[in-house]
Amino acid sequence: MRRDLYAAGAAAALVTAAVLIGRHVQDTDHSLRVDWPPLLASWGPHVGPGTPAAVLVAVAGVAYGPALAARLRWRALLLTAWAASLAWTFGLALIDGWQRGVAVRLTTRHEYLQAVDRFDDIPGTLRDFTHHILLHSPDNWPAHVAGHPPAATLTFVLLDRIGLRGGGWAGTWCVTVGATACVAVLITVRTLAGEDLARRAAPFLVLAPAAVWMGTSADAYFSAVAAWTVALLALAVTRGSLAAAGASGLLFGLTCYLSYGLTLITLIAAAVLWTGRHGVRRRPVLLVAMSAGAAVVPVVFTLAGFDWWEAYRLLVTRYLQGAGGVRPYAYWVWANLACTVLITGLATAAGLRRTGTVLPRRRSAAPGTGRLALLVTAAALSLLVADLSGMSKAETERIWLPFASWLLPSCALLTRPRAWLAAQATLALLLNHLLRTGW
C-alpha cells in the first residue's frame, strides 16, 4: 500500500509541475495555446443541475460499487456498469447545464456539426474531401473535421439524415455509445484474464475521471468503437468465432476511418492476439475473417474517392499550420502524461505501478494477472507512441480517451478499492466543478 501511495504521489507531483511550469510558459510567451495548462480549460468554479446527480452516483459507486460488482450476475453487471457509466457521464456533463454541457459541444466552429450541410452529395464530398484540409485551402474544413477521416463527420451526417438533428442528439449519441466502452473493456478482461479481475475493475471503469471528457465529445464514441474492436477480437481468439473475428475486423476498419491516431489500437489488438495465440493456431482462418472484415470500410471509402494516406499527409501539414506548429514539444511531451493522470486518476497510477511489478513475472503471477498486465502495458505503449509522435500536443485529455479506457483495469490489482474509488470520484467532481472544459 505504501508503494501505491508513492506512485500516486509521484503522479500528483507530475500534474503539479505541469500546472506550474505550464502557467509560467503560457504567461511568458503564450505558446501553449491553453488557458489552464496542461488542460484545454479555464478556471471557473460553478455548480449546475447535474451536481446532485453526479454526487449521488459518486457516493453510491464508492459505497456499493465493489460489493455489487462482486455479487451481481455477469450480464446484470454489464448492464449495471453501462447504466452507471451513463449516469456518471451525464451527471458530470450537466454540471455545465444541458446547453453548454451537451447541446452545443459539437456545434462550435471547430466541430463536426459545422460541416453537416456540406455533405448533401456524400460521394462527391468524399472525392473532394482532401482539397479542403489545409488551412489556406478554399472553404477549409473546421479543425476537427480536417483532423479526422470522414467517417467521423459522416456519423453526424447520418444522424441528421434520420431526423436526429442538432447538437443535443449528437451529444446524446456520443455519451450513450461512449458509455458502452466500459462494457467492452469488462468483456475483454473477463475473456482474457478472468471474471474476478473484471469484477474488481468494474467500479473503476464506471467512476473514471475520464467521464468529464466523455461528456460530451466525439472521442467518447471513438473510444467505444475501438473498445468493441478489441473485445470482439478477444472473443474470437478464445472461442474460435469467425463471426466475432469478422465483426472485430469491420470495427477496426471503421476505427481507422474515425481517427488517424487510433491505428495505434493495433498494439492492444496485438496483445490480445498474443494472449490468444493458441486459439489462432488451432483455427488460423480467424485471421482471414478478421482481415476480410478490416478491408470493408477502407475499400468502400477508397472506391468512393477518399485517399486515407493523402489525407493524413495533408493533416500533418494542417496540424503544423495551426496551434500544433506553435505548441512546444519539450513541454507537451511530458505534460501530456500529466493530462493522462487527470483522466485516469491517481488510482490508475498506483495500478500501473502494480502492473509494472507483475509483468516481469507474469508466468508465476496469480491467475489472470499476467494477461491483464500485458493488456494494460500494450495500452500504455500505444499512448507513449502517440505522445512521442508529436501529433498530440495538448487536448490529450480528450484525444487519448480510447487508450485511457485500457489503463483503468490496472486498478483491479489494488487493495482497499473503496478508498481509491473515492479518490477517483473526488478528482472528477473537482475537475468539473472548478474548471470549464472545452475544445
Protein backbone atom coordinates (compact mmCIF):
# COMPACT_ATOMS: atom_id res chain seq x y z
CA MET A 1 0.00 0.00 0.00
CA ARG A 2 2.83 2.40 0.84
CA ARG A 3 4.38 1.97 -2.60
CA ASP A 4 1.00 2.56 -4.19
CA LEU A 5 0.79 5.86 -2.34
CA TYR A 6 4.29 6.76 -3.54
CA ALA A 7 3.18 6.13 -7.14
CA ALA A 8 0.07 8.25 -6.63
CA GLY A 9 2.18 10.97 -5.04
CA ALA A 10 4.59 10.96 -7.99
CA ALA A 11 1.63 11.26 -10.38
CA ALA A 12 0.25 14.19 -8.36
CA ALA A 13 3.69 15.83 -8.45
CA LEU A 14 3.77 15.45 -12.24
CA VAL A 15 0.41 17.22 -12.53
CA THR A 16 1.56 19.98 -10.17
CA ALA A 17 4.73 20.52 -12.22
CA ALA A 18 2.71 20.63 -15.45
CA VAL A 19 0.38 23.25 -13.96
CA LEU A 20 3.10 25.49 -12.52
CA ILE A 21 5.56 25.26 -15.40
CA GLY A 22 2.77 25.47 -17.93
CA ARG A 23 1.39 28.60 -16.26
CA HIS A 24 4.83 30.22 -16.45
CA VAL A 25 5.35 29.30 -20.12
CA GLN A 26 1.87 30.43 -21.12
CA ASP A 27 2.17 33.72 -19.27
CA THR A 28 5.62 34.31 -20.78
CA ASP A 29 5.06 33.64 -24.48
CA HIS A 30 1.50 32.22 -24.86
CA SER A 31 2.90 29.31 -26.88
CA LEU A 32 0.91 26.59 -25.09
CA ARG A 33 -2.40 27.87 -26.50
CA VAL A 34 -4.39 26.68 -23.49
CA ASP A 35 -5.86 28.76 -20.66
CA TRP A 36 -5.28 26.31 -17.79
CA PRO A 37 -2.26 24.15 -18.69
CA PRO A 38 -1.96 21.27 -19.14
CA LEU A 39 -5.72 21.12 -19.84
CA LEU A 40 -7.65 22.95 -22.51
CA ALA A 41 -9.84 24.57 -19.89
CA SER A 42 -10.37 27.77 -17.95
CA TRP A 43 -10.75 28.44 -14.25
CA GLY A 44 -14.40 28.85 -13.34
CA PRO A 45 -15.82 27.34 -10.14
CA HIS A 46 -19.50 26.54 -10.63
CA VAL A 47 -22.33 24.16 -9.85
CA GLY A 48 -25.22 23.12 -12.05
CA PRO A 49 -28.25 20.89 -12.42
CA GLY A 50 -26.03 17.83 -12.76
CA THR A 51 -24.26 18.40 -9.43
CA PRO A 52 -26.71 16.44 -7.21
CA ALA A 53 -26.86 13.53 -9.67
CA ALA A 54 -23.08 13.36 -10.07
CA VAL A 55 -22.51 13.45 -6.31
CA LEU A 56 -25.19 10.78 -5.76
CA VAL A 57 -23.64 8.45 -8.36
CA ALA A 58 -20.19 9.01 -6.85
CA VAL A 59 -21.33 8.24 -3.29
CA ALA A 60 -23.32 5.19 -4.38
CA GLY A 61 -20.46 3.94 -6.54
CA VAL A 62 -17.92 4.22 -3.74
CA ALA A 63 -20.23 2.76 -1.08
CA TYR A 64 -21.78 -0.09 -3.06
CA GLY A 65 -19.80 -0.46 -6.28
CA PRO A 66 -17.27 -3.12 -5.21
CA ALA A 67 -19.90 -5.22 -3.44
CA LEU A 68 -22.35 -5.07 -6.35
CA ALA A 69 -19.59 -5.87 -8.83
CA ALA A 70 -18.74 -8.96 -6.81
CA ARG A 71 -22.32 -10.23 -6.38
CA LEU A 72 -24.33 -9.41 -9.48
CA ARG A 73 -24.75 -11.97 -12.21
CA TRP A 74 -22.38 -11.26 -15.07
CA ARG A 75 -24.95 -9.98 -17.57
CA ALA A 76 -26.61 -7.89 -14.88
CA LEU A 77 -23.20 -6.45 -14.00
CA LEU A 78 -22.58 -5.44 -17.61
CA LEU A 79 -25.96 -3.71 -17.85
CA THR A 80 -25.47 -2.02 -14.47
CA ALA A 81 -21.98 -0.85 -15.42
CA TRP A 82 -23.27 0.69 -18.64
CA ALA A 83 -26.20 2.39 -16.88
CA ALA A 84 -23.98 3.69 -14.06
CA SER A 85 -21.37 4.94 -16.53
CA LEU A 86 -24.12 6.70 -18.48
CA ALA A 87 -25.48 8.32 -15.31
CA TRP A 88 -21.98 9.36 -14.18
CA THR A 89 -21.08 10.89 -17.55
CA PHE A 90 -24.38 12.70 -17.99
CA GLY A 91 -24.30 13.90 -14.38
CA LEU A 92 -20.86 15.42 -14.86
CA ALA A 93 -21.79 16.95 -18.22
CA LEU A 94 -24.93 18.53 -16.78
CA ILE A 95 -22.90 20.35 -14.14
CA ASP A 96 -22.40 22.79 -17.02
CA GLY A 97 -26.11 22.64 -17.88
CA TRP A 98 -27.80 20.98 -20.87
CA GLN A 99 -26.85 23.67 -23.37
CA ARG A 100 -23.18 24.12 -22.55
CA GLY A 101 -22.59 20.61 -21.24
CA VAL A 102 -24.25 18.65 -24.06
CA ALA A 103 -26.21 20.50 -26.73
CA VAL A 104 -23.60 22.97 -28.03
CA ARG A 105 -20.42 20.95 -27.51
CA LEU A 106 -20.41 19.53 -31.03
CA THR A 107 -21.72 22.68 -32.73
CA THR A 108 -18.85 25.11 -32.13
CA ARG A 109 -16.77 26.44 -35.03
CA HIS A 110 -14.19 23.64 -34.72
CA GLU A 111 -16.70 20.80 -34.54
CA TYR A 112 -18.28 18.24 -36.84
CA LEU A 113 -21.80 19.62 -36.99
CA GLN A 114 -20.49 22.75 -38.69
CA ALA A 115 -19.85 20.63 -41.80
CA VAL A 116 -23.01 18.51 -41.91
CA ASP A 117 -24.69 20.72 -44.54
CA ARG A 118 -21.70 20.27 -46.86
CA PHE A 119 -22.39 16.53 -47.22
CA ASP A 120 -25.53 16.81 -49.35
CA ASP A 121 -23.72 14.79 -52.04
CA ILE A 122 -21.80 12.29 -49.93
CA PRO A 123 -19.79 10.60 -52.75
CA GLY A 124 -18.91 13.99 -54.22
CA THR A 125 -17.86 15.34 -50.83
CA LEU A 126 -15.66 12.30 -50.18
CA ARG A 127 -13.93 12.73 -53.54
CA ASP A 128 -13.31 16.39 -52.73
CA PHE A 129 -12.53 15.91 -49.03
CA THR A 130 -8.73 16.27 -49.21
CA HIS A 131 -8.98 19.54 -51.15
CA HIS A 132 -10.25 21.33 -48.04
CA ILE A 133 -7.90 20.03 -45.33
CA LEU A 134 -5.12 22.62 -45.48
CA LEU A 135 -5.74 25.80 -43.53
CA HIS A 136 -5.37 28.07 -46.55
CA SER A 137 -7.39 25.92 -48.95
CA PRO A 138 -10.76 27.26 -50.16
CA ASP A 139 -13.60 26.54 -47.71
CA ASN A 140 -11.21 24.65 -45.42
CA TRP A 141 -12.84 22.19 -43.08
CA PRO A 142 -13.31 23.03 -39.37
CA ALA A 143 -10.41 21.78 -37.26
CA HIS A 144 -11.98 18.53 -36.07
CA VAL A 145 -13.38 17.66 -39.49
CA ALA A 146 -9.99 18.24 -41.13
CA GLY A 147 -8.25 16.37 -38.32
CA HIS A 148 -10.16 13.11 -38.80
CA PRO A 149 -11.07 10.79 -41.66
CA PRO A 150 -14.60 11.46 -42.96
CA ALA A 151 -16.32 8.56 -41.15
CA ALA A 152 -16.29 10.78 -38.06
CA THR A 153 -18.29 13.56 -39.70
CA LEU A 154 -20.41 11.08 -41.68
CA THR A 155 -21.71 9.67 -38.41
CA PHE A 156 -23.33 13.01 -37.61
CA VAL A 157 -24.46 13.45 -41.21
CA LEU A 158 -26.31 10.12 -40.99
CA LEU A 159 -27.82 11.05 -37.62
CA ASP A 160 -29.07 14.24 -39.25
CA ARG A 161 -30.49 12.29 -42.21
CA ILE A 162 -32.61 10.06 -39.95
CA GLY A 163 -34.03 13.04 -38.11
CA LEU A 164 -31.71 13.20 -35.09
CA ARG A 165 -30.54 16.71 -35.91
CA GLY A 166 -28.57 19.18 -33.86
CA GLY A 167 -26.12 19.18 -31.00
CA GLY A 168 -28.46 17.65 -28.45
CA TRP A 169 -28.92 14.44 -30.40
CA ALA A 170 -25.24 14.35 -31.43
CA GLY A 171 -24.11 14.79 -27.82
CA THR A 172 -26.56 12.18 -26.55
CA TRP A 173 -25.30 9.73 -29.20
CA CYS A 174 -21.68 10.22 -28.13
CA VAL A 175 -22.38 9.84 -24.42
CA THR A 176 -24.73 6.86 -24.82
CA VAL A 177 -22.45 4.94 -27.17
CA GLY A 178 -19.32 6.07 -25.34
CA ALA A 179 -20.61 4.62 -22.07
CA THR A 180 -20.57 1.15 -23.64
CA ALA A 181 -16.77 1.30 -23.78
CA CYS A 182 -16.62 0.17 -20.14
CA VAL A 183 -18.72 -2.89 -21.05
CA ALA A 184 -16.37 -3.79 -23.90
CA VAL A 185 -13.34 -3.48 -21.63
CA LEU A 186 -15.01 -5.64 -18.97
CA ILE A 187 -15.78 -8.35 -21.53
CA THR A 188 -12.18 -8.27 -22.74
CA VAL A 189 -10.70 -8.50 -19.25
CA ARG A 190 -13.04 -11.35 -18.29
CA THR A 191 -12.28 -13.21 -21.53
CA LEU A 192 -8.51 -12.91 -21.23
CA ALA A 193 -7.76 -12.51 -17.53
CA GLY A 194 -10.73 -13.99 -15.70
CA GLU A 195 -14.01 -12.88 -14.20
CA ASP A 196 -12.63 -11.99 -10.78
CA LEU A 197 -10.30 -9.31 -12.15
CA ALA A 198 -13.05 -7.98 -14.42
CA ARG A 199 -15.41 -7.63 -11.47
CA ARG A 200 -12.74 -5.82 -9.45
CA ALA A 201 -12.08 -3.45 -12.35
CA ALA A 202 -15.75 -2.62 -12.97
CA PRO A 203 -16.24 0.18 -10.40
CA PHE A 204 -13.07 1.91 -11.60
CA LEU A 205 -14.22 1.79 -15.20
CA VAL A 206 -17.53 3.36 -14.18
CA LEU A 207 -16.21 6.15 -11.92
CA ALA A 208 -13.30 7.13 -14.15
CA PRO A 209 -12.39 10.84 -14.19
CA ALA A 210 -12.28 10.41 -17.99
CA ALA A 211 -16.07 10.80 -17.87
CA VAL A 212 -15.51 14.56 -17.56
CA TRP A 213 -14.40 14.49 -21.21
CA MET A 214 -16.54 11.58 -22.35
CA GLY A 215 -19.42 14.01 -21.92
CA THR A 216 -19.57 15.43 -24.40
CA SER A 217 -17.04 14.69 -27.16
CA ALA A 218 -16.93 12.57 -30.28
CA ASP A 219 -13.87 10.86 -28.83
CA ALA A 220 -16.22 9.05 -26.44
CA TYR A 221 -17.88 7.48 -29.46
CA PHE A 222 -14.47 6.67 -30.97
CA SER A 223 -13.46 5.05 -27.67
CA ALA A 224 -16.44 2.73 -27.76
CA VAL A 225 -15.84 1.61 -31.35
CA ALA A 226 -12.16 0.92 -30.59
CA ALA A 227 -13.04 -0.90 -27.36
CA TRP A 228 -15.56 -3.17 -29.08
CA THR A 229 -12.96 -3.92 -31.75
CA VAL A 230 -10.69 -5.34 -29.07
CA ALA A 231 -13.50 -7.07 -27.15
CA LEU A 232 -14.74 -8.92 -30.24
CA LEU A 233 -11.17 -9.90 -31.10
CA ALA A 234 -10.74 -11.37 -27.61
CA LEU A 235 -13.95 -13.37 -28.02
CA ALA A 236 -12.85 -14.53 -31.47
CA VAL A 237 -9.45 -15.90 -30.42
CA THR A 238 -10.75 -17.58 -27.26
CA ARG A 239 -13.94 -19.06 -28.70
CA GLY A 240 -12.86 -19.60 -32.29
CA SER A 241 -15.74 -17.47 -33.52
CA LEU A 242 -15.50 -16.43 -37.18
CA ALA A 243 -18.40 -14.01 -36.73
CA ALA A 244 -16.63 -12.24 -33.87
CA ALA A 245 -13.39 -12.13 -35.87
CA GLY A 246 -15.13 -10.61 -38.89
CA ALA A 247 -17.00 -8.09 -36.74
CA SER A 248 -13.79 -7.13 -34.96
CA GLY A 249 -12.09 -6.53 -38.30
CA LEU A 250 -15.05 -4.49 -39.53
CA LEU A 251 -14.96 -2.26 -36.46
CA PHE A 252 -11.17 -1.94 -36.74
CA GLY A 253 -11.57 -0.62 -40.27
CA LEU A 254 -14.20 1.83 -39.04
CA THR A 255 -11.94 2.87 -36.16
CA CYS A 256 -9.17 3.81 -38.59
CA TYR A 257 -11.63 5.95 -40.56
CA LEU A 258 -12.88 7.69 -37.42
CA SER A 259 -9.44 8.81 -36.22
CA TYR A 260 -5.97 8.53 -37.74
CA GLY A 261 -4.36 8.13 -34.33
CA LEU A 262 -6.49 5.13 -33.46
CA THR A 263 -4.46 2.97 -35.82
CA LEU A 264 -2.33 2.59 -32.67
CA ILE A 265 -5.07 0.37 -31.26
CA THR A 266 -3.24 -2.34 -33.23
CA LEU A 267 -0.77 -2.58 -30.32
CA ILE A 268 -3.59 -3.53 -27.95
CA ALA A 269 -5.01 -5.90 -30.55
CA ALA A 270 -1.56 -7.46 -30.89
CA ALA A 271 -1.50 -8.13 -27.14
CA VAL A 272 -4.89 -9.84 -27.47
CA LEU A 273 -3.67 -11.95 -30.38
CA TRP A 274 -0.55 -12.94 -28.44
CA THR A 275 -2.63 -13.89 -25.40
CA GLY A 276 -4.98 -15.94 -27.58
CA ARG A 277 -2.32 -17.27 -29.94
CA HIS A 278 -3.17 -20.90 -29.20
CA GLY A 279 -6.72 -20.32 -30.40
CA VAL A 280 -5.41 -18.70 -33.58
CA ARG A 281 -3.07 -21.64 -34.21
CA ARG A 282 -5.96 -24.06 -33.82
CA ARG A 283 -8.08 -22.05 -36.24
CA PRO A 284 -5.94 -19.77 -38.44
CA VAL A 285 -8.97 -18.97 -40.59
CA LEU A 286 -9.83 -16.45 -37.85
CA LEU A 287 -7.13 -14.18 -39.27
CA VAL A 288 -8.72 -14.46 -42.71
CA ALA A 289 -12.13 -13.46 -41.33
CA MET A 290 -10.62 -10.59 -39.38
CA SER A 291 -8.66 -9.33 -42.39
CA ALA A 292 -11.71 -9.58 -44.64
CA GLY A 293 -13.75 -7.58 -42.16
CA ALA A 294 -11.00 -5.00 -41.78
CA ALA A 295 -10.92 -4.42 -45.55
CA VAL A 296 -14.60 -3.47 -45.88
CA VAL A 297 -14.56 0.14 -44.68
CA PRO A 298 -11.25 1.08 -46.39
CA VAL A 299 -12.45 -0.42 -49.69
CA VAL A 300 -15.78 1.44 -49.51
CA PHE A 301 -14.14 4.79 -48.80
CA THR A 302 -11.41 4.25 -51.38
CA LEU A 303 -13.93 3.38 -54.08
CA ALA A 304 -15.87 6.48 -53.09
CA GLY A 305 -12.77 8.54 -53.84
CA PHE A 306 -11.25 9.22 -50.40
CA ASP A 307 -7.48 8.66 -50.13
CA TRP A 308 -6.64 7.94 -46.46
CA TRP A 309 -2.87 8.28 -46.89
CA GLU A 310 -3.07 11.55 -48.81
CA ALA A 311 -5.49 12.94 -46.25
CA TYR A 312 -3.17 12.00 -43.40
CA ARG A 313 -0.21 13.65 -45.17
CA LEU A 314 -2.22 16.85 -45.58
CA LEU A 315 -3.42 16.64 -41.98
CA VAL A 316 0.19 16.71 -40.73
CA THR A 317 0.69 19.92 -42.69
CA ARG A 318 -2.59 21.37 -41.37
CA TYR A 319 -1.56 20.49 -37.82
CA LEU A 320 1.69 22.39 -38.18
CA GLN A 321 -0.14 25.34 -39.74
CA GLY A 322 -2.22 25.74 -36.61
CA ALA A 323 -1.59 25.54 -32.87
CA GLY A 324 0.35 22.30 -33.30
CA GLY A 325 3.12 24.23 -35.03
CA VAL A 326 3.40 26.66 -32.12
CA ARG A 327 2.97 24.47 -29.05
CA PRO A 328 6.40 23.43 -27.70
CA TYR A 329 7.15 19.73 -27.90
CA ALA A 330 9.56 20.00 -24.96
CA TYR A 331 6.67 20.83 -22.63
CA TRP A 332 3.88 18.71 -24.06
CA VAL A 333 5.89 15.51 -24.39
CA TRP A 334 5.73 15.15 -20.61
CA ALA A 335 2.74 17.40 -19.79
CA ASN A 336 0.56 15.11 -21.93
CA LEU A 337 1.30 12.42 -19.35
CA ALA A 338 0.03 14.76 -16.64
CA CYS A 339 -3.22 15.02 -18.65
CA THR A 340 -3.35 11.23 -18.62
CA VAL A 341 -3.11 11.26 -14.83
CA LEU A 342 -6.09 13.61 -14.72
CA ILE A 343 -8.28 11.43 -16.94
CA THR A 344 -7.32 8.11 -15.36
CA GLY A 345 -6.84 9.24 -11.76
CA LEU A 346 -4.32 8.56 -9.02
CA ALA A 347 -5.68 5.04 -8.55
CA THR A 348 -4.53 4.18 -12.06
CA ALA A 349 -1.05 5.49 -11.29
CA ALA A 350 -0.94 3.04 -8.38
CA GLY A 351 -2.41 0.31 -10.57
CA LEU A 352 0.24 0.88 -13.22
CA ARG A 353 2.91 0.51 -10.55
CA ARG A 354 1.48 -2.88 -9.69
CA THR A 355 1.26 -3.73 -13.38
CA GLY A 356 4.97 -3.00 -13.68
CA THR A 357 5.77 -5.45 -10.90
CA VAL A 358 3.54 -8.19 -12.34
CA LEU A 359 4.72 -8.02 -15.95
CA PRO A 360 8.27 -9.36 -15.50
CA ARG A 361 6.96 -12.36 -13.53
CA ARG A 362 3.63 -12.83 -15.27
CA ARG A 363 4.18 -16.58 -15.74
CA SER A 364 4.32 -17.10 -11.98
CA ALA A 365 1.78 -14.42 -11.07
CA ALA A 366 -1.73 -15.13 -9.81
CA PRO A 367 -4.10 -16.50 -12.47
CA GLY A 368 -5.04 -13.83 -14.99
CA THR A 369 -2.92 -11.01 -13.59
CA GLY A 370 -0.13 -11.61 -16.09
CA ARG A 371 -2.56 -11.36 -19.00
CA LEU A 372 -4.12 -8.24 -17.52
CA ALA A 373 -0.67 -6.70 -17.11
CA LEU A 374 0.15 -7.44 -20.75
CA LEU A 375 -3.08 -5.81 -21.93
CA VAL A 376 -2.53 -2.70 -19.82
CA THR A 377 1.11 -2.46 -20.89
CA ALA A 378 0.11 -2.58 -24.57
CA ALA A 379 -2.29 0.32 -23.93
CA ALA A 380 0.44 2.29 -22.16
CA LEU A 381 2.78 1.65 -25.08
CA SER A 382 0.14 2.88 -27.55
CA LEU A 383 -0.22 6.05 -25.54
CA LEU A 384 3.54 6.59 -25.37
CA VAL A 385 3.91 6.18 -29.13
CA ALA A 386 1.16 8.76 -29.64
CA ASP A 387 2.96 11.06 -27.22
CA LEU A 388 6.37 10.77 -28.85
CA SER A 389 4.90 11.31 -32.31
CA GLY A 390 4.37 14.99 -31.54
CA MET A 391 0.94 14.86 -33.17
CA SER A 392 -0.82 15.12 -29.82
CA LYS A 393 0.39 18.34 -28.22
CA ALA A 394 -2.37 19.33 -25.79
CA GLU A 395 -6.02 18.27 -25.69
CA THR A 396 -4.90 14.72 -24.93
CA GLU A 397 -7.40 14.63 -22.06
CA ARG A 398 -9.91 14.18 -24.89
CA ILE A 399 -7.86 12.68 -27.72
CA TRP A 400 -6.42 9.84 -25.62
CA LEU A 401 -9.72 8.64 -24.15
CA PRO A 402 -9.61 5.44 -26.27
CA PHE A 403 -6.26 4.48 -24.74
CA ALA A 404 -7.15 5.59 -21.21
CA SER A 405 -10.01 3.07 -21.12
CA TRP A 406 -7.43 0.27 -21.21
CA LEU A 407 -5.26 1.67 -18.39
CA LEU A 408 -8.13 1.68 -15.89
CA PRO A 409 -8.32 -2.14 -15.48
CA SER A 410 -4.94 -1.98 -13.72
CA CYS A 411 -6.93 -0.75 -10.71
CA ALA A 412 -8.20 -4.33 -10.29
CA LEU A 413 -4.80 -5.11 -8.78
CA LEU A 414 -5.25 -2.62 -5.92
CA THR A 415 -6.22 -3.32 -2.34
CA ARG A 416 -8.69 -1.06 -0.45
CA PRO A 417 -10.77 -0.33 -3.55
CA ARG A 418 -13.25 1.99 -1.83
CA ALA A 419 -10.52 4.42 -0.78
CA TRP A 420 -9.12 4.54 -4.31
CA LEU A 421 -12.61 4.86 -5.80
CA ALA A 422 -13.29 7.81 -3.52
CA ALA A 423 -10.10 9.45 -4.82
CA GLN A 424 -11.19 8.85 -8.42
CA ALA A 425 -14.68 10.26 -7.95
CA THR A 426 -13.44 13.24 -5.95
CA LEU A 427 -10.96 14.15 -8.68
CA ALA A 428 -13.67 14.05 -11.36
CA LEU A 429 -16.06 16.17 -9.30
CA LEU A 430 -13.37 18.75 -8.53
CA LEU A 431 -12.28 18.99 -12.15
CA ASN A 432 -15.79 19.52 -13.45
CA HIS A 433 -16.82 21.96 -10.72
CA LEU A 434 -13.64 24.07 -10.71
CA LEU A 435 -12.83 24.17 -14.43
CA ARG A 436 -14.79 24.92 -17.57
CA THR A 437 -13.52 22.44 -20.10
CA GLY A 438 -13.76 22.91 -23.83
CA TRP A 439 -12.15 22.16 -27.18
